Amino acid sequence: MKITDYISDLLYAHDCVVIPGFGGFVSNYAPAKIHPVNHTFYAPSKNILFNARLTSDDGLLIHTLSVSKGISYEQAKQEVDEFVQACFHDLTQGKTLVLEKIGRIRKDLD
């Protein structure tokens, strides 16, 4: 299982998932809706936002990774750190990060 899969799974149960040193994903619940003219039903969902300022480790992602994989907290932290380094590398190269089941992230123009 990839780290993005863990993040996606955690977003179902939590409103915020922080990737230490990178940023946090914040989910906002969107209730079901019915379009009044088209009579189209829209199922409830979550809107996902990314906040680059949420970088402090809350332990959720690393703990989940550690328990799920049966590895130490330090090993899980190392995997997350490597993931963060790869993300920063891609972003500095001008690439768009495609995080399956979550969304896309690209670097803002300064």
PDB file of N, CA and C in Angstrom:
ATOM      1  N   MET A   1       0.845  -1.175   0.000  1.00  0.00           N
ATOM      2  CA  MET A   1       0.000   0.000   0.000  1.00  0.00           C
ATOM      3  C   MET A   1       0.891   1.240   0.000  1.00  0.00           C
ATOM      4  N   LYS A   2       0.555   2.222  -0.835  1.00  0.00           N
ATOM      5  CA  LYS A   2       1.332   3.447  -0.937  1.00  0.00           C
ATOM      6  C   LYS A   2       0.884   4.448   0.129  1.00  0.00           C
ATOM      7  N   ILE A   3       1.743   5.399   0.415  1.00  0.00           N
ATOM      8  CA  ILE A   3       1.422   6.411   1.424  1.00  0.00           C
ATOM      9  C   ILE A   3       0.169   7.182   1.037  1.00  0.00           C
ATOM     10  N   THR A   4      -0.026   7.428  -0.249  1.00  0.00           N
ATOM     11  CA  THR A   4      -1.236   8.144  -0.671  1.00  0.00           C
ATOM     12  C   THR A   4      -2.497   7.346  -0.359  1.00  0.00           C
ATOM     13  N   ASP A   5      -2.403   6.023  -0.371  1.00  0.00           N
ATOM     14  CA  ASP A   5      -3.553   5.193  -0.006  1.00  0.00           C
ATOM     15  C   ASP A   5      -3.885   5.367   1.476  1.00  0.00           C
ATOM     16  N   TYR A   6      -2.858   5.436   2.308  1.00  0.00           N
ATOM     17  CA  TYR A   6      -3.086   5.658   3.740  1.00  0.00           C
ATOM     18  C   TYR A   6      -3.712   7.026   3.976  1.00  0.00           C
ATOM     19  N   ILE A   7      -3.224   8.036   3.273  1.00  0.00           N
ATOM     20  CA  ILE A   7      -3.778   9.385   3.423  1.00  0.00           C
ATOM     21  C   ILE A   7      -5.241   9.391   3.018  1.00  0.00           C
ATOM     22  N   SER A   8      -5.542   8.780   1.893  1.00  0.00           N
ATOM     23  CA  SER A   8      -6.918   8.712   1.408  1.00  0.00           C
ATOM     24  C   SER A   8      -7.829   8.012   2.414  1.00  0.00           C
ATOM     25  N   ASP A   9      -7.374   6.873   2.935  1.00  0.00           N
ATOM     26  CA  ASP A   9      -8.167   6.142   3.919  1.00  0.00           C
ATOM     27  C   ASP A   9      -8.387   6.964   5.185  1.00  0.00           C
ATOM     28  N   LEU A  10      -7.352   7.667   5.632  1.00  0.00           N
ATOM     29  CA  LEU A  10      -7.471   8.483   6.837  1.00  0.00           C
ATOM     30  C   LEU A  10      -8.437   9.651   6.642  1.00  0.00           C
ATOM     31  N   LEU A  11      -8.502  10.175   5.428  1.00  0.00           N
ATOM     32  CA  LEU A  11      -9.415  11.295   5.160  1.00  0.00           C
ATOM     33  C   LEU A  11     -10.884  10.890   5.253  1.00  0.00           C
ATOM     34  N   TYR A  12     -11.174   9.603   5.110  1.00  0.00           N
ATOM     35  CA  TYR A  12     -12.552   9.140   5.290  1.00  0.00           C
ATOM     36  C   TYR A  12     -12.981   9.256   6.751  1.00  0.00           C
ATOM     37  N   ALA A  13     -12.041   9.016   7.653  1.00  0.00           N
ATOM     38  CA  ALA A  13     -12.371   8.985   9.075  1.00  0.00           C
ATOM     39  C   ALA A  13     -12.016  10.274   9.824  1.00  0.00           C
ATOM     40  N   HIS A  14     -11.136  11.088   9.259  1.00  0.00           N
ATOM     41  CA  HIS A  14     -10.649  12.284   9.950  1.00  0.00           C
ATOM     42  C   HIS A  14     -10.836  13.525   9.076  1.00  0.00           C
ATOM     43  N   ASP A  15     -10.962  14.654   9.735  1.00  0.00           N
ATOM     44  CA  ASP A  15     -11.131  15.915   9.010  1.00  0.00           C
ATOM     45  C   ASP A  15      -9.808  16.515   8.553  1.00  0.00           C
ATOM     46  N   CYS A  16      -8.706  16.048   9.120  1.00  0.00           N
ATOM     47  CA  CYS A  16      -7.405  16.602   8.764  1.00  0.00           C
ATOM     48  C   CYS A  16      -6.347  15.510   8.834  1.00  0.00           C
ATOM     49  N   VAL A  17      -5.517  15.434   7.815  1.00  0.00           N
ATOM     50  CA  VAL A  17      -4.387  14.508   7.791  1.00  0.00           C
ATOM     51  C   VAL A  17      -3.152  15.317   7.434  1.00  0.00           C
ATOM     52  N   VAL A  18      -2.195  15.346   8.360  1.00  0.00           N
ATOM     53  CA  VAL A  18      -0.973  16.121   8.166  1.00  0.00           C
ATOM     54  C   VAL A  18       0.137  15.207   7.666  1.00  0.00           C
ATOM     55  N   ILE A  19       0.816  15.667   6.628  1.00  0.00           N
ATOM     56  CA  ILE A  19       2.031  15.004   6.163  1.00  0.00           C
ATOM     57  C   ILE A  19       3.171  15.837   6.742  1.00  0.00           C
ATOM     58  N   PRO A  20       3.834  15.327   7.777  1.00  0.00           N
ATOM     59  CA  PRO A  20       4.846  16.120   8.479  1.00  0.00           C
ATOM     60  C   PRO A  20       5.907  16.691   7.542  1.00  0.00           C
ATOM     61  N   GLY A  21       6.121  17.990   7.653  1.00  0.00           N
ATOM     62  CA  GLY A  21       7.117  18.661   6.825  1.00  0.00           C
ATOM     63  C   GLY A  21       6.637  19.035   5.444  1.00  0.00           C
ATOM     64  N   PHE A  22       5.420  18.691   5.101  1.00  0.00           N
ATOM     65  CA  PHE A  22       4.906  18.974   3.758  1.00  0.00           C
ATOM     66  C   PHE A  22       3.641  19.823   3.780  1.00  0.00           C
ATOM     67  N   GLY A  23       2.642  19.397   4.520  1.00  0.00           N
ATOM     68  CA  GLY A  23       1.378  20.119   4.585  1.00  0.00           C
ATOM     69  C   GLY A  23       0.262  19.197   5.009  1.00  0.00           C
ATOM     70  N   GLY A  24      -0.916  19.747   5.111  1.00  0.00           N
ATOM     71  CA  GLY A  24      -2.044  18.959   5.576  1.00  0.00           C
ATOM     72  C   GLY A  24      -3.225  19.015   4.641  1.00  0.00           C
ATOM     73  N   PHE A  25      -3.956  17.923   4.591  1.00  0.00           N
ATOM     74  CA  PHE A  25      -5.197  17.856   3.833  1.00  0.00           C
ATOM     75  C   PHE A  25      -6.349  18.036   4.805  1.00  0.00           C
ATOM     76  N   VAL A  26      -7.224  18.952   4.490  1.00  0.00           N
ATOM     77  CA  VAL A  26      -8.380  19.238   5.338  1.00  0.00           C
ATOM     78  C   VAL A  26      -9.626  18.914   4.533  1.00  0.00           C
ATOM     79  N   SER A  27     -10.508  18.115   5.133  1.00  0.00           N
ATOM     80  CA  SER A  27     -11.741  17.757   4.427  1.00  0.00           C
ATOM     81  C   SER A  27     -12.918  18.493   5.047  1.00  0.00           C
ATOM     82  N   ASN A  28     -13.808  18.921   4.189  1.00  0.00           N
ATOM     83  CA  ASN A  28     -15.036  19.591   4.610  1.00  0.00           C
ATOM     84  C   ASN A  28     -16.220  18.809   4.053  1.00  0.00           C
ATOM     85  N   TYR A  29     -17.140  18.464   4.924  1.00  0.00           N
ATOM     86  CA  TYR A  29     -18.311  17.700   4.527  1.00  0.00           C
ATOM     87  C   TYR A  29     -19.237  18.558   3.663  1.00  0.00           C
ATOM     88  N   ALA A  30     -19.716  17.978   2.581  1.00  0.00           N
ATOM     89  CA  ALA A  30     -20.708  18.624   1.715  1.00  0.00           C
ATOM     90  C   ALA A  30     -21.948  17.730   1.714  1.00  0.00           C
ATOM     91  N   PRO A  31     -23.075  18.217   2.235  1.00  0.00           N
ATOM     92  CA  PRO A  31     -24.269  17.376   2.345  1.00  0.00           C
ATOM     93  C   PRO A  31     -24.873  17.048   0.980  1.00  0.00           C
ATOM     94  N   ALA A  32     -25.748  16.075   0.973  1.00  0.00           N
ATOM     95  CA  ALA A  32     -26.462  15.706  -0.256  1.00  0.00           C
ATOM     96  C   ALA A  32     -27.305  16.887  -0.717  1.00  0.00           C
ATOM     97  N   LYS A  33     -27.469  16.989  -2.035  1.00  0.00           N
ATOM     98  CA  LYS A  33     -28.256  18.093  -2.600  1.00  0.00           C
ATOM     99  C   LYS A  33     -29.139  17.561  -3.728  1.00  0.00           C
ATOM    100  N   ILE A  34     -30.211  18.274  -3.943  1.00  0.00           N
ATOM    101  CA  ILE A  34     -31.066  18.009  -5.098  1.00  0.00           C
ATOM    102  C   ILE A  34     -31.162  19.306  -5.882  1.00  0.00           C
ATOM    103  N   HIS A  35     -30.806  19.237  -7.164  1.00  0.00           N
ATOM    104  CA  HIS A  35     -30.897  20.418  -8.013  1.00  0.00           C
ATOM    105  C   HIS A  35     -32.374  20.708  -8.265  1.00  0.00           C
ATOM    106  N   PRO A  36     -32.845  21.926  -7.973  1.00  0.00           N
ATOM    107  CA  PRO A  36     -34.276  22.219  -8.050  1.00  0.00           C
ATOM    108  C   PRO A  36     -34.861  22.191  -9.464  1.00  0.00           C
ATOM    109  N   VAL A  37     -34.054  22.469 -10.467  1.00  0.00           N
ATOM    110  CA  VAL A  37     -34.562  22.499 -11.839  1.00  0.00           C
ATOM    111  C   VAL A  37     -34.400  21.153 -12.528  1.00  0.00           C
ATOM    112  N   ASN A  38     -33.208  20.597 -12.440  1.00  0.00           N
ATOM    113  CA  ASN A  38     -32.918  19.332 -13.121  1.00  0.00           C
ATOM    114  C   ASN A  38     -33.391  18.120 -12.339  1.00  0.00           C
ATOM    115  N   HIS A  39     -33.710  18.308 -11.069  1.00  0.00           N
ATOM    116  CA  HIS A  39     -34.094  17.216 -10.174  1.00  0.00           C
ATOM    117  C   HIS A  39     -33.008  16.137 -10.139  1.00  0.00           C
ATOM    118  N   THR A  40     -31.772  16.609 -10.121  1.00  0.00           N
ATOM    119  CA  THR A  40     -30.620  15.726 -10.052  1.00  0.00           C
ATOM    120  C   THR A  40     -30.184  15.617  -8.601  1.00  0.00           C
ATOM    121  N   PHE A  41     -29.904  14.395  -8.178  1.00  0.00           N
ATOM    122  CA  PHE A  41     -29.469  14.135  -6.812  1.00  0.00           C
ATOM    123  C   PHE A  41     -27.953  14.090  -6.766  1.00  0.00           C
ATOM    124  N   TYR A  42     -27.354  14.821  -5.820  1.00  0.00           N
ATOM    125  CA  TYR A  42     -25.912  14.799  -5.597  1.00  0.00           C
ATOM    126  C   TYR A  42     -25.657  14.189  -4.227  1.00  0.00           C
ATOM    127  N   ALA A  43     -24.934  13.106  -4.202  1.00  0.00           N
ATOM    128  CA  ALA A  43     -24.654  12.393  -2.952  1.00  0.00           C
ATOM    129  C   ALA A  43     -23.769  13.236  -2.034  1.00  0.00           C
ATOM    130  N   PRO A  44     -23.824  12.956  -0.736  1.00  0.00           N
ATOM    131  CA  PRO A  44     -22.915  13.669   0.165  1.00  0.00           C
ATOM    132  C   PRO A  44     -21.469  13.359  -0.205  1.00  0.00           C
ATOM    133  N   SER A  45     -20.600  14.312   0.071  1.00  0.00           N
ATOM    134  CA  SER A  45     -19.199  14.138  -0.293  1.00  0.00           C
ATOM    135  C   SER A  45     -18.326  14.949   0.652  1.00  0.00           C
ATOM    136  N   LYS A  46     -17.043  14.894   0.404  1.00  0.00           N
ATOM    137  CA  LYS A  46     -16.095  15.717   1.137  1.00  0.00           C
ATOM    138  C   LYS A  46     -15.270  16.499   0.127  1.00  0.00           C
ATOM    139  N   ASN A  47     -15.096  17.773   0.396  1.00  0.00           N
ATOM    140  CA  ASN A  47     -14.200  18.606  -0.397  1.00  0.00           C
ATOM    141  C   ASN A  47     -12.853  18.599   0.309  1.00  0.00           C
ATOM    142  N   ILE A  48     -11.786  18.375  -0.437  1.00  0.00           N
ATOM    143  CA  ILE A  48     -10.454  18.284   0.141  1.00  0.00           C
ATOM    144  C   ILE A  48      -9.661  19.539  -0.225  1.00  0.00           C
ATOM    145  N   LEU A  49      -9.097  20.173   0.800  1.00  0.00           N
ATOM    146  CA  LEU A  49      -8.239  21.337   0.615  1.00  0.00           C
ATOM    147  C   LEU A  49      -6.845  20.985   1.110  1.00  0.00           C
ATOM    148  N   PHE A  50      -5.838  21.626   0.532  1.00  0.00           N
ATOM    149  CA  PHE A  50      -4.469  21.416   0.988  1.00  0.00           C
ATOM    150  C   PHE A  50      -3.968  22.694   1.618  1.00  0.00           C
ATOM    151  N   ASN A  51      -3.378  22.577   2.808  1.00  0.00           N
ATOM    152  CA  ASN A  51      -2.810  23.722   3.508  1.00  0.00           C
ATOM    153  C   ASN A  51      -1.335  23.437   3.752  1.00  0.00           C
ATOM    154  N   ALA A  52      -0.468  24.172   3.058  1.00  0.00           N
ATOM    155  CA  ALA A  52       0.979  23.958   3.161  1.00  0.00           C
ATOM    156  C   ALA A  52       1.536  24.397   4.507  1.00  0.00           C
ATOM    157  N   ARG A  53       0.767  25.137   5.287  1.00  0.00           N
ATOM    158  CA  ARG A  53       1.250  25.607   6.590  1.00  0.00           C
ATOM    159  C   ARG A  53       1.025  24.604   7.713  1.00  0.00           C
ATOM    160  N   LEU A  54       0.267  23.563   7.449  1.00  0.00           N
ATOM    161  CA  LEU A  54       0.042  22.513   8.461  1.00  0.00           C
ATOM    162  C   LEU A  54       1.146  21.466   8.340  1.00  0.00           C
ATOM    163  N   THR A  55       2.289  21.748   8.933  1.00  0.00           N
ATOM    164  CA  THR A  55       3.436  20.855   8.760  1.00  0.00           C
ATOM    165  C   THR A  55       3.852  20.139  10.038  1.00  0.00           C
ATOM    166  N   SER A  56       3.329  20.538  11.188  1.00  0.00           N
ATOM    167  CA  SER A  56       3.703  19.893  12.453  1.00  0.00           C
ATOM    168  C   SER A  56       3.129  18.483  12.518  1.00  0.00           C
ATOM    169  N   ASP A  57       3.944  17.557  12.956  1.00  0.00           N
ATOM    170  CA  ASP A  57       3.543  16.150  13.019  1.00  0.00           C
ATOM    171  C   ASP A  57       2.536  15.929  14.144  1.00  0.00           C
ATOM    172  N   ASP A  58       1.336  15.508  13.784  1.00  0.00           N
ATOM    173  CA  ASP A  58       0.331  15.158  14.796  1.00  0.00           C
ATOM    174  C   ASP A  58       0.366  13.667  15.108  1.00  0.00           C
ATOM    175  N   GLY A  59       1.205  12.912  14.401  1.00  0.00           N
ATOM    176  CA  GLY A  59       1.398  11.499  14.667  1.00  0.00           C
ATOM    177  C   GLY A  59       0.425  10.563  13.975  1.00  0.00           C
ATOM    178  N   LEU A  60      -0.653  11.084  13.422  1.00  0.00           N
ATOM    179  CA  LEU A  60      -1.699  10.231  12.851  1.00  0.00           C
ATOM    180  C   LEU A  60      -1.190   9.390  11.683  1.00  0.00           C
ATOM    181  N   LEU A  61      -0.605  10.017  10.698  1.00  0.00           N
ATOM    182  CA  LEU A  61      -0.158   9.298   9.502  1.00  0.00           C
ATOM    183  C   LEU A  61       0.953   8.307   9.839  1.00  0.00           C
ATOM    184  N   ILE A  62       1.948   8.745  10.581  1.00  0.00           N
ATOM    185  CA  ILE A  62       3.080   7.871  10.891  1.00  0.00           C
ATOM    186  C   ILE A  62       2.644   6.710  11.778  1.00  0.00           C
ATOM    187  N   HIS A  63       1.810   6.973  12.758  1.00  0.00           N
ATOM    188  CA  HIS A  63       1.305   5.902  13.624  1.00  0.00           C
ATOM    189  C   HIS A  63       0.514   4.878  12.809  1.00  0.00           C
ATOM    190  N   THR A  64      -0.361   5.354  11.937  1.00  0.00           N
ATOM    191  CA  THR A  64      -1.164   4.455  11.107  1.00  0.00           C
ATOM    192  C   THR A  64      -0.273   3.604  10.209  1.00  0.00           C
ATOM    193  N   LEU A  65       0.720   4.220   9.611  1.00  0.00           N
ATOM    194  CA  LEU A  65       1.669   3.508   8.751  1.00  0.00           C
ATOM    195  C   LEU A  65       2.429   2.455   9.561  1.00  0.00           C
ATOM    196  N   SER A  66       2.877   2.828  10.750  1.00  0.00           N
ATOM    197  CA  SER A  66       3.621   1.923  11.621  1.00  0.00           C
ATOM    198  C   SER A  66       2.795   0.702  12.007  1.00  0.00           C
ATOM    199  N   VAL A  67       1.566   0.934  12.448  1.00  0.00           N
ATOM    200  CA  VAL A  67       0.705  -0.167  12.886  1.00  0.00           C
ATOM    201  C   VAL A  67       0.301  -1.047  11.704  1.00  0.00           C
ATOM    202  N   SER A  68      -0.087  -0.434  10.601  1.00  0.00           N
ATOM    203  CA  SER A  68      -0.559  -1.202   9.439  1.00  0.00           C
ATOM    204  C   SER A  68       0.530  -2.073   8.831  1.00  0.00           C
ATOM    205  N   LYS A  69       1.751  -1.545   8.782  1.00  0.00           N
ATOM    206  CA  LYS A  69       2.848  -2.297   8.171  1.00  0.00           C
ATOM    207  C   LYS A  69       3.621  -3.151   9.173  1.00  0.00           C
ATOM    208  N   GLY A  70       3.337  -2.965  10.464  1.00  0.00           N
ATOM    209  CA  GLY A  70       4.055  -3.718  11.474  1.00  0.00           C
ATOM    210  C   GLY A  70       5.511  -3.322  11.574  1.00  0.00           C
ATOM    211  N   ILE A  71       5.792  -2.027  11.392  1.00  0.00           N
ATOM    212  CA  ILE A  71       7.166  -1.522  11.469  1.00  0.00           C
ATOM    213  C   ILE A  71       7.258  -0.525  12.615  1.00  0.00           C
ATOM    214  N   SER A  72       8.468  -0.149  12.963  1.00  0.00           N
ATOM    215  CA  SER A  72       8.647   0.803  14.055  1.00  0.00           C
ATOM    216  C   SER A  72       8.192   2.202  13.622  1.00  0.00           C
ATOM    217  N   TYR A  73       7.934   3.029  14.629  1.00  0.00           N
ATOM    218  CA  TYR A  73       7.539   4.413  14.366  1.00  0.00           C
ATOM    219  C   TYR A  73       8.640   5.133  13.579  1.00  0.00           C
ATOM    220  N   GLU A  74       9.897   4.854  13.920  1.00  0.00           N
ATOM    221  CA  GLU A  74      11.032   5.495  13.243  1.00  0.00           C
ATOM    222  C   GLU A  74      11.105   5.078  11.776  1.00  0.00           C
ATOM    223  N   GLN A  75      10.848   3.792  11.498  1.00  0.00           N
ATOM    224  CA  GLN A  75      10.852   3.329  10.104  1.00  0.00           C
ATOM    225  C   GLN A  75       9.713   3.977   9.322  1.00  0.00           C
ATOM    226  N   ALA A  76       8.555   4.080   9.943  1.00  0.00           N
ATOM    227  CA  ALA A  76       7.418   4.723   9.281  1.00  0.00           C
ATOM    228  C   ALA A  76       7.713   6.191   9.025  1.00  0.00           C
ATOM    229  N   LYS A  77       8.356   6.836   9.989  1.00  0.00           N
ATOM    230  CA  LYS A  77       8.723   8.249   9.814  1.00  0.00           C
ATOM    231  C   LYS A  77       9.689   8.395   8.649  1.00  0.00           C
ATOM    232  N   GLN A  78      10.624   7.482   8.525  1.00  0.00           N
ATOM    233  CA  GLN A  78      11.586   7.515   7.421  1.00  0.00           C
ATOM    234  C   GLN A  78      10.869   7.383   6.075  1.00  0.00           C
ATOM    235  N   GLU A  79       9.881   6.498   5.992  1.00  0.00           N
ATOM    236  CA  GLU A  79       9.115   6.344   4.752  1.00  0.00           C
ATOM    237  C   GLU A  79       8.371   7.633   4.398  1.00  0.00           C
ATOM    238  N   VAL A  80       7.787   8.274   5.405  1.00  0.00           N
ATOM    239  CA  VAL A  80       7.074   9.529   5.167  1.00  0.00           C
ATOM    240  C   VAL A  80       8.061  10.615   4.748  1.00  0.00           C
ATOM    241  N   ASP A  81       9.220  10.674   5.397  1.00  0.00           N
ATOM    242  CA  ASP A  81      10.236  11.662   5.031  1.00  0.00           C
ATOM    243  C   ASP A  81      10.688  11.482   3.581  1.00  0.00           C
ATOM    244  N   GLU A  82      10.872  10.243   3.159  1.00  0.00           N
ATOM    245  CA  GLU A  82      11.266   9.975   1.768  1.00  0.00           C
ATOM    246  C   GLU A  82      10.159  10.380   0.804  1.00  0.00           C
ATOM    247  N   PHE A  83       8.909  10.136   1.183  1.00  0.00           N
ATOM    248  CA  PHE A  83       7.769  10.552   0.371  1.00  0.00           C
ATOM    249  C   PHE A  83       7.747  12.074   0.227  1.00  0.00           C
ATOM    250  N   VAL A  84       7.980  12.778   1.330  1.00  0.00           N
ATOM    251  CA  VAL A  84       7.990  14.247   1.320  1.00  0.00           C
ATOM    252  C   VAL A  84       9.116  14.767   0.427  1.00  0.00           C
ATOM    253  N   GLN A  85      10.299  14.172   0.533  1.00  0.00           N
ATOM    254  CA  GLN A  85      11.424  14.583  -0.309  1.00  0.00           C
ATOM    255  C   GLN A  85      11.096  14.383  -1.787  1.00  0.00           C
ATOM    256  N   ALA A  86      10.472  13.271  -2.125  1.00  0.00           N
ATOM    257  CA  ALA A  86      10.097  13.001  -3.517  1.00  0.00           C
ATOM    258  C   ALA A  86       9.058  14.017  -3.998  1.00  0.00           C
ATOM    259  N   CYS A  87       8.111  14.356  -3.128  1.00  0.00           N
ATOM    260  CA  CYS A  87       7.090  15.354  -3.493  1.00  0.00           C
ATOM    261  C   CYS A  87       7.728  16.706  -3.760  1.00  0.00           C
ATOM    262  N   PHE A  88       8.609  17.157  -2.850  1.00  0.00           N
ATOM    263  CA  PHE A  88       9.285  18.444  -3.039  1.00  0.00           C
ATOM    264  C   PHE A  88      10.135  18.436  -4.306  1.00  0.00           C
ATOM    265  N   HIS A  89      10.802  17.321  -4.565  1.00  0.00           N
ATOM    266  CA  HIS A  89      11.626  17.227  -5.773  1.00  0.00           C
ATOM    267  C   HIS A  89      10.764  17.412  -7.024  1.00  0.00           C
ATOM    268  N   ASP A  90       9.647  16.696  -7.080  1.00  0.00           N
ATOM    269  CA  ASP A  90       8.765  16.809  -8.245  1.00  0.00           C
ATOM    270  C   ASP A  90       8.211  18.221  -8.388  1.00  0.00           C
ATOM    271  N   LEU A  91       7.820  18.826  -7.278  1.00  0.00           N
ATOM    272  CA  LEU A  91       7.261  20.177  -7.333  1.00  0.00           C
ATOM    273  C   LEU A  91       8.294  21.196  -7.789  1.00  0.00           C
ATOM    274  N   THR A  92       9.525  21.069  -7.338  1.00  0.00           N
ATOM    275  CA  THR A  92      10.567  22.016  -7.761  1.00  0.00           C
ATOM    276  C   THR A  92      10.941  21.816  -9.225  1.00  0.00           C
ATOM    277  N   GLN A  93      10.649  20.641  -9.767  1.00  0.00           N
ATOM    278  CA  GLN A  93      10.887  20.371 -11.184  1.00  0.00           C
ATOM    279  C   GLN A  93       9.730  20.856 -12.054  1.00  0.00           C
ATOM    280  N   GLY A  94       8.721  21.457 -11.412  1.00  0.00           N
ATOM    281  CA  GLY A  94       7.569  21.976 -12.149  1.00  0.00           C
ATOM    282  C   GLY A  94       6.504  20.940 -12.444  1.00  0.00           C
ATOM    283  N   LYS A  95       6.623  19.774 -11.853  1.00  0.00           N
ATOM    284  CA  LYS A  95       5.646  18.715 -12.082  1.00  0.00           C
ATOM    285  C   LYS A  95       4.428  18.905 -11.188  1.00  0.00           C
ATOM    286  N   THR A  96       3.322  18.325 -11.605  1.00  0.00           N
ATOM    287  CA  THR A  96       2.110  18.293 -10.796  1.00  0.00           C
ATOM    288  C   THR A  96       2.058  16.956 -10.076  1.00  0.00           C
ATOM    289  N   LEU A  97       1.886  17.006  -8.756  1.00  0.00           N
ATOM    290  CA  LEU A  97       1.740  15.767  -7.991  1.00  0.00           C
ATOM    291  C   LEU A  97       0.328  15.240  -8.186  1.00  0.00           C
ATOM    292  N   VAL A  98       0.210  14.012  -8.587  1.00  0.00           N
ATOM    293  CA  VAL A  98      -1.088  13.370  -8.707  1.00  0.00           C
ATOM    294  C   VAL A  98      -1.194  12.366  -7.568  1.00  0.00           C
ATOM    295  N   LEU A  99      -2.050  12.683  -6.603  1.00  0.00           N
ATOM    296  CA  LEU A  99      -2.249  11.822  -5.450  1.00  0.00           C
ATOM    297  C   LEU A  99      -3.573  11.100  -5.645  1.00  0.00           C
ATOM    298  N   GLU A 100      -3.480   9.819  -5.966  1.00  0.00           N
ATOM    299  CA  GLU A 100      -4.669   9.029  -6.286  1.00  0.00           C
ATOM    300  C   GLU A 100      -5.709   9.123  -5.173  1.00  0.00           C
ATOM    301  N   LYS A 101      -6.952   9.254  -5.545  1.00  0.00           N
ATOM    302  CA  LYS A 101      -8.109   9.337  -4.660  1.00  0.00           C
ATOM    303  C   LYS A 101      -8.142  10.613  -3.820  1.00  0.00           C
ATOM    304  N   ILE A 102      -7.164  11.517  -4.037  1.00  0.00           N
ATOM    305  CA  ILE A 102      -7.112  12.746  -3.247  1.00  0.00           C
ATOM    306  C   ILE A 102      -7.197  13.973  -4.151  1.00  0.00           C
ATOM    307  N   GLY A 103      -6.292  14.083  -5.082  1.00  0.00           N
ATOM    308  CA  GLY A 103      -6.277  15.244  -5.964  1.00  0.00           C
ATOM    309  C   GLY A 103      -4.906  15.505  -6.537  1.00  0.00           C
ATOM    310  N   ARG A 104      -4.719  16.727  -6.986  1.00  0.00           N
ATOM    311  CA  ARG A 104      -3.465  17.138  -7.611  1.00  0.00           C
ATOM    312  C   ARG A 104      -2.933  18.365  -6.893  1.00  0.00           C
ATOM    313  N   ILE A 105      -1.613  18.427  -6.807  1.00  0.00           N
ATOM    314  CA  ILE A 105      -0.968  19.573  -6.184  1.00  0.00           C
ATOM    315  C   ILE A 105       0.117  20.061  -7.128  1.00  0.00           C
ATOM    316  N   ARG A 106       0.173  21.354  -7.288  1.00  0.00           N
ATOM    317  CA  ARG A 106       1.277  21.944  -8.054  1.00  0.00           C
ATOM    318  C   ARG A 106       1.737  23.172  -7.306  1.00  0.00           C
ATOM    319  N   LYS A 107       2.965  23.549  -7.565  1.00  0.00           N
ATOM    320  CA  LYS A 107       3.553  24.681  -6.882  1.00  0.00           C
ATOM    321  C   LYS A 107       2.987  25.981  -7.431  1.00  0.00           C
ATOM    322  N   ASP A 108       2.631  26.890  -6.516  1.00  0.00           N
ATOM    323  CA  ASP A 108       2.165  28.208  -6.930  1.00  0.00           C
ATOM    324  C   ASP A 108       3.327  29.004  -7.517  1.00  0.00           C
ATOM    325  N   LEU A 109       2.997  29.899  -8.401  1.00  0.00           N
ATOM    326  CA  LEU A 109       4.012  30.799  -8.910  1.00  0.00           C
ATOM    327  C   LEU A 109       4.330  31.821  -7.825  1.00  0.00           C
ATOM    328  N   ASP A 110       5.598  32.080  -7.601  1.00  0.00           N
ATOM    329  CA  ASP A 110       5.989  33.025  -6.548  1.00  0.00           C
ATOM    330  C   ASP A 110       5.807  34.450  -6.969  1.00  0.00           C
TER     331      ASP A 110
END
